Amino acid sequence: MIAPSLPALPAPPATLVADAAVLSRYGEVLVQAMAPRAPGADRCEDDPRSGLVEALSRLALALQAGNPARLRRQTGWWGRLLGRDVERQADADALQAQCGVLLLNAQAHARRLGAVVEAGTYAAAADLHGAQALEQWAEAGTALGAGLPSDAQGTLHQRVVHLRTLASLKRVQAGQTQLLQAQDAALLDHFQRIAEVLVPAWQQAVRAGSTRTQARQNAQAAQLLGQIRAEVAAAHARLP
């Protein structure tokens, strides 16, 4: 992934004077120059993460419509007693004709999630860039304040502590964004494996019934469905 281009930030001054008004605003020009993170920079109104997982779950259910026995086993004996296997089969039958639409829906959620990941990449890089600048200003302030009167040093020290605190917060915020990005990237990997590898392979196995024995066809299709369900379960586990 290409590193985002970030704007240059003000450098710390070369000298300081013992002026309380000036020292009390030390670093303010830097803080003002750092654009605040846009609200929801790593979010989306319709939550593409849960939307993607839901779309994949519905797609996996639709692909199982032709295998009622598997659906019954997934429901369990208690679910069968309550008639949930019948409900799942009815849902699967209703979704079966919509497999193409369901896949397109999943792709749309994946694109939105990809945009969120891209925005998060910029936000995390900007936070780290800002943290480095804040730390540079704090170090420069400590060095420049050594030659100032004690009262001026006290005023400057408060600003240096403030800048270091802001730098720490920026680094924490960047780390949280990167952690969420890793989860989103893993979720997108599950989607790509389902959409680009498993579903086409399943469709090919189903269409190959005329050239293979029915038993072999069913076995391969069932194996692929199991892999799709495993990928969907892993995607569910990635939701924050």
Protein backbone atom coordinates (compact mmCIF):
# COMPACT_ATOMS: atom_id res chain seq x y z
CA MET A 1 0.00 0.00 0.00
CA ILE A 2 1.37 3.45 -0.97
CA ALA A 3 2.09 5.71 1.99
CA PRO A 4 -0.31 8.66 2.03
CA SER A 5 1.06 12.13 1.30
CA LEU A 6 0.86 14.28 4.41
CA PRO A 7 1.16 18.07 4.69
CA ALA A 8 4.28 19.54 6.26
CA LEU A 9 3.89 20.74 9.83
CA PRO A 10 5.55 23.80 11.44
CA ALA A 11 9.03 23.23 12.83
CA PRO A 12 9.91 24.28 16.40
CA PRO A 13 11.56 27.70 16.87
CA ALA A 14 15.31 28.09 17.04
CA THR A 15 15.18 30.40 20.07
CA LEU A 16 12.83 31.39 22.88
CA VAL A 17 12.46 34.55 24.93
CA ALA A 18 11.37 34.81 28.56
CA ASP A 19 7.91 36.13 27.68
CA ALA A 20 5.16 34.43 29.67
CA ALA A 21 2.50 35.18 27.05
CA VAL A 22 4.62 33.66 24.30
CA LEU A 23 5.70 30.65 26.35
CA SER A 24 2.13 29.90 27.45
CA ARG A 25 1.27 29.38 23.77
CA TYR A 26 4.34 27.36 22.89
CA GLY A 27 3.39 24.74 20.30
CA GLU A 28 -0.02 26.25 19.67
CA VAL A 29 0.84 26.95 16.04
CA LEU A 30 1.57 23.25 15.58
CA VAL A 31 -1.64 22.09 17.24
CA GLN A 32 -3.66 24.46 15.06
CA ALA A 33 -1.89 23.24 11.93
CA MET A 34 -2.79 19.62 12.59
CA ALA A 35 -6.16 19.07 10.94
CA PRO A 36 -8.53 17.37 13.38
CA ARG A 37 -9.56 13.86 12.46
CA ALA A 38 -12.87 13.95 10.64
CA PRO A 39 -15.67 12.39 12.72
CA GLY A 40 -16.26 8.85 11.56
CA ALA A 41 -13.06 8.72 9.47
CA ASP A 42 -12.89 4.99 10.10
CA ARG A 43 -16.65 4.41 10.13
CA CYS A 44 -19.56 4.34 7.71
CA GLU A 45 -23.21 5.11 8.35
CA ASP A 46 -24.50 1.73 7.24
CA ASP A 47 -21.62 -0.25 8.85
CA PRO A 48 -20.16 -2.11 5.86
CA ARG A 49 -18.54 -4.66 8.20
CA SER A 50 -21.75 -6.14 9.54
CA GLY A 51 -23.44 -5.56 6.18
CA LEU A 52 -20.76 -7.59 4.42
CA VAL A 53 -20.95 -10.45 6.90
CA GLU A 54 -24.74 -10.51 6.69
CA ALA A 55 -24.62 -10.58 2.89
CA LEU A 56 -22.12 -13.45 2.96
CA SER A 57 -24.28 -15.35 5.46
CA ARG A 58 -27.33 -15.01 3.22
CA LEU A 59 -25.27 -16.09 0.20
CA ALA A 60 -24.01 -19.18 2.04
CA LEU A 61 -27.58 -20.07 3.02
CA ALA A 62 -28.80 -19.63 -0.56
CA LEU A 63 -26.10 -21.96 -1.88
CA GLN A 64 -27.29 -24.70 0.48
CA ALA A 65 -30.88 -24.69 -0.75
CA GLY A 66 -30.27 -27.82 -2.81
CA ASN A 67 -28.97 -29.80 0.18
CA PRO A 68 -31.81 -30.09 2.75
CA ALA A 69 -29.98 -32.81 4.68
CA ARG A 70 -27.05 -30.50 5.39
CA LEU A 71 -29.38 -27.73 6.51
CA ARG A 72 -31.09 -30.12 8.93
CA ARG A 73 -27.76 -31.18 10.41
CA GLN A 74 -26.73 -27.56 10.90
CA THR A 75 -29.97 -26.82 12.74
CA GLY A 76 -29.45 -29.54 15.39
CA TRP A 77 -32.01 -31.83 16.96
CA TRP A 78 -33.51 -29.13 19.20
CA GLY A 79 -33.87 -26.77 16.26
CA ARG A 80 -35.49 -29.51 14.21
CA LEU A 81 -37.87 -30.18 17.07
CA LEU A 82 -38.89 -26.52 16.97
CA GLY A 83 -39.20 -26.56 13.19
CA ARG A 84 -36.24 -24.27 12.57
CA ASP A 85 -34.89 -26.60 9.89
CA VAL A 86 -38.08 -26.02 7.91
CA GLU A 87 -37.69 -22.26 8.36
CA ARG A 88 -34.05 -22.35 7.20
CA GLN A 89 -34.96 -24.44 4.19
CA ALA A 90 -37.72 -21.99 3.28
CA ASP A 91 -35.29 -19.08 3.66
CA ALA A 92 -32.69 -20.88 1.55
CA ASP A 93 -35.24 -21.66 -1.16
CA ALA A 94 -36.34 -18.03 -1.25
CA LEU A 95 -32.74 -16.81 -1.55
CA GLN A 96 -31.56 -19.42 -4.06
CA ALA A 97 -32.72 -17.45 -7.09
CA GLN A 98 -31.01 -14.32 -5.72
CA CYS A 99 -27.44 -15.64 -5.51
CA GLY A 100 -26.22 -13.17 -8.12
CA VAL A 101 -27.91 -10.26 -6.37
CA LEU A 102 -26.56 -11.38 -3.00
CA LEU A 103 -23.05 -11.53 -4.37
CA LEU A 104 -23.38 -8.06 -5.88
CA ASN A 105 -24.67 -6.81 -2.54
CA ALA A 106 -21.66 -8.30 -0.77
CA GLN A 107 -19.35 -6.69 -3.32
CA ALA A 108 -20.96 -3.30 -2.67
CA HIS A 109 -20.37 -3.65 1.09
CA ALA A 110 -16.79 -4.76 0.40
CA ARG A 111 -16.15 -1.65 -1.70
CA ARG A 112 -17.46 0.57 1.09
CA LEU A 113 -15.32 -1.25 3.61
CA GLY A 114 -12.32 -0.81 1.32
CA ALA A 115 -12.97 2.95 1.32
CA VAL A 116 -13.11 2.88 5.14
CA VAL A 117 -9.76 1.06 5.24
CA GLU A 118 -8.24 3.63 2.89
CA ALA A 119 -9.52 6.52 5.03
CA GLY A 120 -8.19 4.77 8.14
CA THR A 121 -4.76 4.43 6.53
CA TYR A 122 -4.59 8.19 6.06
CA ALA A 123 -5.95 8.92 9.53
CA ALA A 124 -3.43 6.63 11.25
CA ALA A 125 -0.54 8.06 9.23
CA ALA A 126 -1.67 11.61 10.05
CA ASP A 127 -1.86 10.76 13.77
CA LEU A 128 1.65 9.29 13.76
CA HIS A 129 2.96 12.27 11.76
CA GLY A 130 1.39 14.64 14.28
CA ALA A 131 2.76 12.66 17.23
CA GLN A 132 6.29 12.90 15.85
CA ALA A 133 5.95 16.67 15.36
CA LEU A 134 4.57 17.13 18.88
CA GLU A 135 7.46 15.15 20.33
CA GLN A 136 9.96 17.24 18.35
CA TRP A 137 8.44 20.41 19.72
CA ALA A 138 8.49 19.01 23.25
CA GLU A 139 12.17 18.05 22.96
CA ALA A 140 13.05 21.44 21.47
CA GLY A 141 11.16 23.22 24.24
CA THR A 142 13.03 21.26 26.90
CA ALA A 143 16.37 22.12 25.32
CA LEU A 144 15.56 25.79 24.68
CA GLY A 145 14.12 26.30 28.14
CA ALA A 146 17.34 25.36 29.89
CA GLY A 147 18.68 28.91 29.58
CA LEU A 148 15.51 30.70 30.70
CA PRO A 149 14.70 32.06 34.17
CA SER A 150 13.05 29.60 36.52
CA ASP A 151 9.58 31.18 36.29
CA ALA A 152 9.74 31.09 32.48
CA GLN A 153 10.91 27.48 32.65
CA GLY A 154 7.85 26.60 34.72
CA THR A 155 5.49 28.13 32.18
CA LEU A 156 7.26 26.40 29.30
CA HIS A 157 7.34 23.08 31.16
CA GLN A 158 3.54 23.05 31.37
CA ARG A 159 3.33 23.44 27.61
CA VAL A 160 5.93 20.73 27.02
CA VAL A 161 3.99 18.31 29.23
CA HIS A 162 0.82 19.18 27.31
CA LEU A 163 2.50 18.52 23.97
CA ARG A 164 3.85 15.17 25.15
CA THR A 165 0.37 14.20 26.35
CA LEU A 166 -1.12 15.08 22.98
CA ALA A 167 1.60 13.04 21.26
CA SER A 168 0.80 10.00 23.40
CA LEU A 169 -2.91 10.33 22.62
CA LYS A 170 -2.14 10.57 18.91
CA ARG A 171 -0.09 7.37 19.05
CA VAL A 172 -2.83 5.53 20.95
CA GLN A 173 -5.42 6.70 18.44
CA ALA A 174 -3.24 5.57 15.53
CA GLY A 175 -2.74 2.17 17.14
CA GLN A 176 -6.47 1.69 17.61
CA THR A 177 -7.10 2.62 13.97
CA GLN A 178 -4.42 0.20 12.77
CA LEU A 179 -5.89 -2.61 14.88
CA LEU A 180 -9.32 -2.03 13.37
CA GLN A 181 -7.75 -1.86 9.92
CA ALA A 182 -6.14 -5.28 10.44
CA GLN A 183 -9.55 -6.73 11.32
CA ASP A 184 -11.12 -5.08 8.26
CA ALA A 185 -8.34 -6.36 5.98
CA ALA A 186 -8.87 -9.90 7.28
CA LEU A 187 -12.62 -9.55 6.69
CA LEU A 188 -11.98 -8.42 3.11
CA ASP A 189 -9.65 -11.40 2.63
CA HIS A 190 -12.47 -13.75 3.68
CA PHE A 191 -14.81 -12.03 1.22
CA GLN A 192 -12.33 -12.29 -1.65
CA ARG A 193 -11.74 -15.98 -0.98
CA ILE A 194 -15.48 -16.65 -0.96
CA ALA A 195 -16.34 -14.48 -3.98
CA GLU A 196 -13.32 -15.14 -6.18
CA VAL A 197 -12.39 -18.75 -5.33
CA LEU A 198 -15.00 -20.76 -3.47
CA VAL A 199 -18.26 -19.62 -5.09
CA PRO A 200 -16.96 -20.01 -8.68
CA ALA A 201 -15.55 -23.43 -7.77
CA TRP A 202 -18.88 -24.45 -6.24
CA GLN A 203 -20.77 -23.27 -9.32
CA GLN A 204 -18.41 -25.23 -11.56
CA ALA A 205 -18.86 -28.37 -9.45
CA VAL A 206 -22.65 -28.07 -9.67
CA ARG A 207 -22.59 -27.52 -13.45
CA ALA A 208 -20.26 -30.48 -13.94
CA GLY A 209 -23.00 -33.02 -13.13
CA SER A 210 -23.23 -34.15 -16.73
CA THR A 211 -19.59 -35.21 -16.88
CA ARG A 212 -19.12 -36.65 -13.38
CA THR A 213 -20.93 -39.09 -11.22
CA GLN A 214 -23.62 -37.53 -9.06
CA ALA A 215 -21.92 -38.76 -5.89
CA ARG A 216 -18.62 -37.11 -6.77
CA GLN A 217 -20.39 -33.90 -7.76
CA ASN A 218 -22.31 -33.77 -4.49
CA ALA A 219 -19.19 -34.51 -2.46
CA GLN A 220 -17.18 -31.72 -4.04
CA ALA A 221 -20.04 -29.22 -3.84
CA ALA A 222 -20.61 -30.14 -0.17
CA GLN A 223 -16.90 -29.70 0.57
CA LEU A 224 -16.89 -26.26 -1.05
CA LEU A 225 -20.02 -25.27 0.84
CA GLY A 226 -18.32 -26.30 4.06
CA GLN A 227 -15.37 -24.07 3.19
CA ILE A 228 -17.69 -21.18 2.39
CA ARG A 229 -19.46 -21.60 5.73
CA ALA A 230 -16.10 -21.72 7.50
CA GLU A 231 -15.03 -18.47 5.80
CA VAL A 232 -18.33 -16.82 6.78
CA ALA A 233 -17.89 -17.97 10.40
CA ALA A 234 -14.36 -16.56 10.40
CA ALA A 235 -15.72 -13.29 8.98
CA HIS A 236 -18.30 -13.16 11.80
CA ALA A 237 -15.47 -13.52 14.30
CA ARG A 238 -13.78 -10.43 12.81
CA LEU A 239 -16.65 -8.10 13.65
CA PRO A 240 -15.63 -5.63 16.41
